[in-house]
Amino acid sequence: MYTTTQINTTRRYLTIFLWLLIITIVEVFISYLPMVKEGKISIYIVFTIFKVFLIAAHFMHLKHEKISFILAIGLPLIFLFALMFGLF
């Protein structure tokens, strides 16, 4: 039989998978909307940051490691904004 911990872990991974699937479906739906290209890109970036947060926190087990999590999320965001605003 499965233990309560195994059931909770499976449920958590399935929940994260469903969130990632829903976000991806919304992104595909947005691609067909008649919007300005810059608006779509901004929405994609926000969704991508949320997906990176979910993956890093749960699948990479960084949820309880503050410094590693900040470095895994923060440094790429700084680099992204630098690229977006032409600082390099």
N, C-alpha and C. Protein backbone atom coordinates (compact mmCIF):
# COMPACT_ATOMS: atom_id res chain seq x y z
N MET A 1 0.83 -1.19 0.00
CA MET A 1 0.00 0.00 0.00
C MET A 1 0.87 1.25 0.00
N TYR A 2 0.26 2.32 -0.42
CA TYR A 2 0.94 3.60 -0.42
C TYR A 2 0.81 4.28 0.93
N THR A 3 1.85 4.98 1.30
CA THR A 3 1.79 5.73 2.55
C THR A 3 1.20 7.11 2.27
N THR A 4 0.84 7.80 3.33
CA THR A 4 0.27 9.14 3.19
C THR A 4 1.27 10.09 2.54
N THR A 5 2.54 9.95 2.87
CA THR A 5 3.57 10.81 2.29
C THR A 5 3.68 10.60 0.79
N GLN A 6 3.63 9.34 0.34
CA GLN A 6 3.70 9.07 -1.09
C GLN A 6 2.49 9.63 -1.82
N ILE A 7 1.33 9.53 -1.24
CA ILE A 7 0.11 10.05 -1.87
C ILE A 7 0.19 11.57 -1.95
N ASN A 8 0.64 12.22 -0.87
CA ASN A 8 0.76 13.67 -0.88
C ASN A 8 1.79 14.15 -1.90
N THR A 9 2.90 13.43 -2.01
CA THR A 9 3.93 13.78 -2.99
C THR A 9 3.40 13.63 -4.40
N THR A 10 2.73 12.54 -4.67
CA THR A 10 2.15 12.33 -6.00
C THR A 10 1.11 13.41 -6.31
N ARG A 11 0.29 13.72 -5.35
CA ARG A 11 -0.73 14.75 -5.55
C ARG A 11 -0.08 16.11 -5.83
N ARG A 12 1.00 16.42 -5.10
CA ARG A 12 1.69 17.69 -5.31
C ARG A 12 2.28 17.77 -6.71
N TYR A 13 2.94 16.68 -7.16
CA TYR A 13 3.51 16.69 -8.50
C TYR A 13 2.44 16.77 -9.58
N LEU A 14 1.34 16.10 -9.38
CA LEU A 14 0.25 16.20 -10.35
C LEU A 14 -0.35 17.61 -10.38
N THR A 15 -0.45 18.24 -9.23
CA THR A 15 -0.96 19.61 -9.18
C THR A 15 -0.04 20.56 -9.92
N ILE A 16 1.26 20.42 -9.71
CA ILE A 16 2.23 21.26 -10.42
C ILE A 16 2.15 20.99 -11.92
N PHE A 17 2.05 19.73 -12.30
CA PHE A 17 1.93 19.39 -13.72
C PHE A 17 0.68 20.03 -14.32
N LEU A 18 -0.43 19.99 -13.61
CA LEU A 18 -1.66 20.60 -14.14
C LEU A 18 -1.53 22.11 -14.26
N TRP A 19 -0.88 22.76 -13.29
CA TRP A 19 -0.65 24.19 -13.41
C TRP A 19 0.20 24.51 -14.63
N LEU A 20 1.26 23.75 -14.84
CA LEU A 20 2.11 23.98 -16.02
C LEU A 20 1.35 23.75 -17.31
N LEU A 21 0.50 22.72 -17.33
CA LEU A 21 -0.30 22.43 -18.51
C LEU A 21 -1.30 23.56 -18.79
N ILE A 22 -1.96 24.04 -17.75
CA ILE A 22 -2.94 25.12 -17.91
C ILE A 22 -2.26 26.39 -18.42
N ILE A 23 -1.12 26.72 -17.84
CA ILE A 23 -0.40 27.92 -18.29
C ILE A 23 0.02 27.78 -19.75
N THR A 24 0.48 26.60 -20.13
CA THR A 24 0.89 26.38 -21.52
C THR A 24 -0.31 26.49 -22.47
N ILE A 25 -1.44 25.97 -22.09
CA ILE A 25 -2.64 26.08 -22.91
C ILE A 25 -3.06 27.54 -23.05
N VAL A 26 -2.98 28.30 -21.97
CA VAL A 26 -3.31 29.72 -22.03
C VAL A 26 -2.33 30.45 -22.95
N GLU A 27 -1.05 30.10 -22.89
CA GLU A 27 -0.07 30.73 -23.77
C GLU A 27 -0.38 30.44 -25.24
N VAL A 28 -0.75 29.21 -25.55
CA VAL A 28 -1.10 28.88 -26.92
C VAL A 28 -2.35 29.65 -27.35
N PHE A 29 -3.33 29.75 -26.46
CA PHE A 29 -4.55 30.51 -26.76
C PHE A 29 -4.21 31.98 -27.02
N ILE A 30 -3.31 32.55 -26.22
CA ILE A 30 -2.93 33.95 -26.40
C ILE A 30 -2.24 34.16 -27.74
N SER A 31 -1.53 33.16 -28.22
CA SER A 31 -0.83 33.31 -29.49
C SER A 31 -1.80 33.54 -30.65
N TYR A 32 -3.05 33.10 -30.52
CA TYR A 32 -4.03 33.27 -31.57
C TYR A 32 -4.85 34.55 -31.41
N LEU A 33 -4.68 35.28 -30.32
CA LEU A 33 -5.43 36.51 -30.11
C LEU A 33 -4.82 37.64 -30.94
N PRO A 34 -5.67 38.53 -31.44
CA PRO A 34 -5.14 39.68 -32.20
C PRO A 34 -4.63 40.75 -31.24
N MET A 35 -3.39 40.61 -30.84
CA MET A 35 -2.77 41.56 -29.92
C MET A 35 -1.48 42.08 -30.51
N VAL A 36 -1.01 43.17 -29.92
CA VAL A 36 0.30 43.70 -30.31
C VAL A 36 1.37 42.71 -29.88
N LYS A 37 2.38 42.56 -30.71
CA LYS A 37 3.43 41.58 -30.45
C LYS A 37 4.11 41.81 -29.10
N GLU A 38 4.36 43.07 -28.75
CA GLU A 38 5.02 43.38 -27.48
C GLU A 38 4.15 42.97 -26.29
N GLY A 39 2.84 43.10 -26.43
CA GLY A 39 1.93 42.68 -25.37
C GLY A 39 1.97 41.18 -25.15
N LYS A 40 1.99 40.44 -26.24
CA LYS A 40 2.08 38.99 -26.13
C LYS A 40 3.39 38.57 -25.47
N ILE A 41 4.47 39.21 -25.88
CA ILE A 41 5.77 38.87 -25.32
C ILE A 41 5.80 39.15 -23.83
N SER A 42 5.21 40.26 -23.41
CA SER A 42 5.17 40.58 -21.98
C SER A 42 4.39 39.53 -21.20
N ILE A 43 3.28 39.10 -21.74
CA ILE A 43 2.47 38.06 -21.08
C ILE A 43 3.25 36.75 -21.03
N TYR A 44 3.93 36.40 -22.12
CA TYR A 44 4.72 35.17 -22.14
C TYR A 44 5.83 35.20 -21.09
N ILE A 45 6.46 36.36 -20.93
CA ILE A 45 7.54 36.47 -19.94
C ILE A 45 7.00 36.27 -18.54
N VAL A 46 5.86 36.87 -18.23
CA VAL A 46 5.26 36.71 -16.90
C VAL A 46 4.91 35.24 -16.65
N PHE A 47 4.29 34.60 -17.63
CA PHE A 47 3.94 33.19 -17.47
C PHE A 47 5.20 32.31 -17.34
N THR A 48 6.22 32.63 -18.10
CA THR A 48 7.46 31.86 -18.05
C THR A 48 8.13 31.99 -16.69
N ILE A 49 8.13 33.18 -16.13
CA ILE A 49 8.70 33.38 -14.79
C ILE A 49 7.93 32.55 -13.77
N PHE A 50 6.61 32.52 -13.89
CA PHE A 50 5.80 31.72 -12.97
C PHE A 50 6.11 30.23 -13.13
N LYS A 51 6.28 29.78 -14.39
CA LYS A 51 6.61 28.37 -14.61
C LYS A 51 8.00 28.03 -14.08
N VAL A 52 8.95 28.92 -14.25
CA VAL A 52 10.29 28.70 -13.70
C VAL A 52 10.23 28.59 -12.18
N PHE A 53 9.43 29.46 -11.56
CA PHE A 53 9.25 29.41 -10.11
C PHE A 53 8.70 28.06 -9.68
N LEU A 54 7.67 27.58 -10.35
CA LEU A 54 7.08 26.29 -10.00
C LEU A 54 8.08 25.15 -10.15
N ILE A 55 8.78 25.14 -11.27
CA ILE A 55 9.73 24.05 -11.53
C ILE A 55 10.90 24.08 -10.55
N ALA A 56 11.46 25.27 -10.33
CA ALA A 56 12.60 25.36 -9.42
C ALA A 56 12.20 25.04 -7.98
N ALA A 57 11.04 25.49 -7.57
CA ALA A 57 10.63 25.29 -6.18
C ALA A 57 10.28 23.83 -5.90
N HIS A 58 9.61 23.19 -6.82
CA HIS A 58 9.09 21.85 -6.52
C HIS A 58 9.93 20.72 -7.13
N PHE A 59 10.24 20.79 -8.40
CA PHE A 59 10.96 19.69 -9.03
C PHE A 59 12.45 19.72 -8.72
N MET A 60 13.01 20.91 -8.50
CA MET A 60 14.42 21.01 -8.15
C MET A 60 14.60 21.09 -6.63
N HIS A 61 13.51 21.01 -5.90
CA HIS A 61 13.50 20.98 -4.43
C HIS A 61 14.21 22.18 -3.82
N LEU A 62 13.97 23.37 -4.38
CA LEU A 62 14.59 24.58 -3.86
C LEU A 62 13.63 25.40 -3.01
N LYS A 63 12.47 24.86 -2.73
CA LYS A 63 11.46 25.61 -1.99
C LYS A 63 11.94 26.00 -0.60
N HIS A 64 12.70 25.17 0.04
CA HIS A 64 13.14 25.43 1.40
C HIS A 64 14.58 25.96 1.48
N GLU A 65 15.21 26.14 0.34
CA GLU A 65 16.57 26.67 0.31
C GLU A 65 16.53 28.10 -0.20
N LYS A 66 16.58 29.04 0.69
CA LYS A 66 16.36 30.44 0.35
C LYS A 66 17.42 30.99 -0.61
N ILE A 67 18.69 30.83 -0.29
CA ILE A 67 19.75 31.42 -1.10
C ILE A 67 19.79 30.78 -2.49
N SER A 68 19.72 29.47 -2.57
CA SER A 68 19.75 28.79 -3.87
C SER A 68 18.57 29.20 -4.73
N PHE A 69 17.41 29.33 -4.09
CA PHE A 69 16.22 29.69 -4.83
C PHE A 69 16.32 31.12 -5.35
N ILE A 70 16.81 32.01 -4.51
CA ILE A 70 16.97 33.41 -4.95
C ILE A 70 17.96 33.49 -6.10
N LEU A 71 19.05 32.75 -6.02
CA LEU A 71 20.02 32.76 -7.10
C LEU A 71 19.47 32.13 -8.37
N ALA A 72 18.71 31.04 -8.23
CA ALA A 72 18.16 30.35 -9.40
C ALA A 72 17.12 31.21 -10.12
N ILE A 73 16.39 32.01 -9.38
CA ILE A 73 15.34 32.84 -9.99
C ILE A 73 15.85 34.26 -10.25
N GLY A 74 16.56 34.83 -9.30
CA GLY A 74 16.95 36.24 -9.38
C GLY A 74 17.97 36.56 -10.45
N LEU A 75 19.02 35.79 -10.54
CA LEU A 75 20.06 36.10 -11.52
C LEU A 75 19.56 36.02 -12.97
N PRO A 76 18.81 35.00 -13.35
CA PRO A 76 18.29 35.00 -14.71
C PRO A 76 17.32 36.17 -14.98
N LEU A 77 16.56 36.58 -13.96
CA LEU A 77 15.66 37.73 -14.14
C LEU A 77 16.44 39.01 -14.37
N ILE A 78 17.52 39.20 -13.63
CA ILE A 78 18.36 40.38 -13.84
C ILE A 78 18.93 40.36 -15.26
N PHE A 79 19.41 39.20 -15.69
CA PHE A 79 19.94 39.07 -17.05
C PHE A 79 18.86 39.32 -18.10
N LEU A 80 17.65 38.80 -17.86
CA LEU A 80 16.54 39.00 -18.78
C LEU A 80 16.20 40.48 -18.93
N PHE A 81 16.08 41.18 -17.81
CA PHE A 81 15.75 42.60 -17.89
C PHE A 81 16.87 43.40 -18.54
N ALA A 82 18.11 43.00 -18.28
CA ALA A 82 19.23 43.68 -18.93
C ALA A 82 19.17 43.48 -20.45
N LEU A 83 18.82 42.29 -20.89
CA LEU A 83 18.69 42.04 -22.33
C LEU A 83 17.50 42.78 -22.92
N MET A 84 16.39 42.81 -22.19
CA MET A 84 15.19 43.48 -22.69
C MET A 84 15.41 44.98 -22.88
N PHE A 85 16.14 45.58 -21.98
CA PHE A 85 16.31 47.03 -22.04
C PHE A 85 17.63 47.44 -22.68
N GLY A 86 18.32 46.49 -23.27
CA GLY A 86 19.51 46.78 -24.07
C GLY A 86 20.71 47.25 -23.26
N LEU A 87 20.90 46.70 -22.08
CA LEU A 87 22.03 47.11 -21.27
C LEU A 87 23.32 46.40 -21.65
N PHE A 88 23.22 45.36 -22.47
CA PHE A 88 24.44 44.67 -22.90
C PHE A 88 24.77 45.06 -24.31
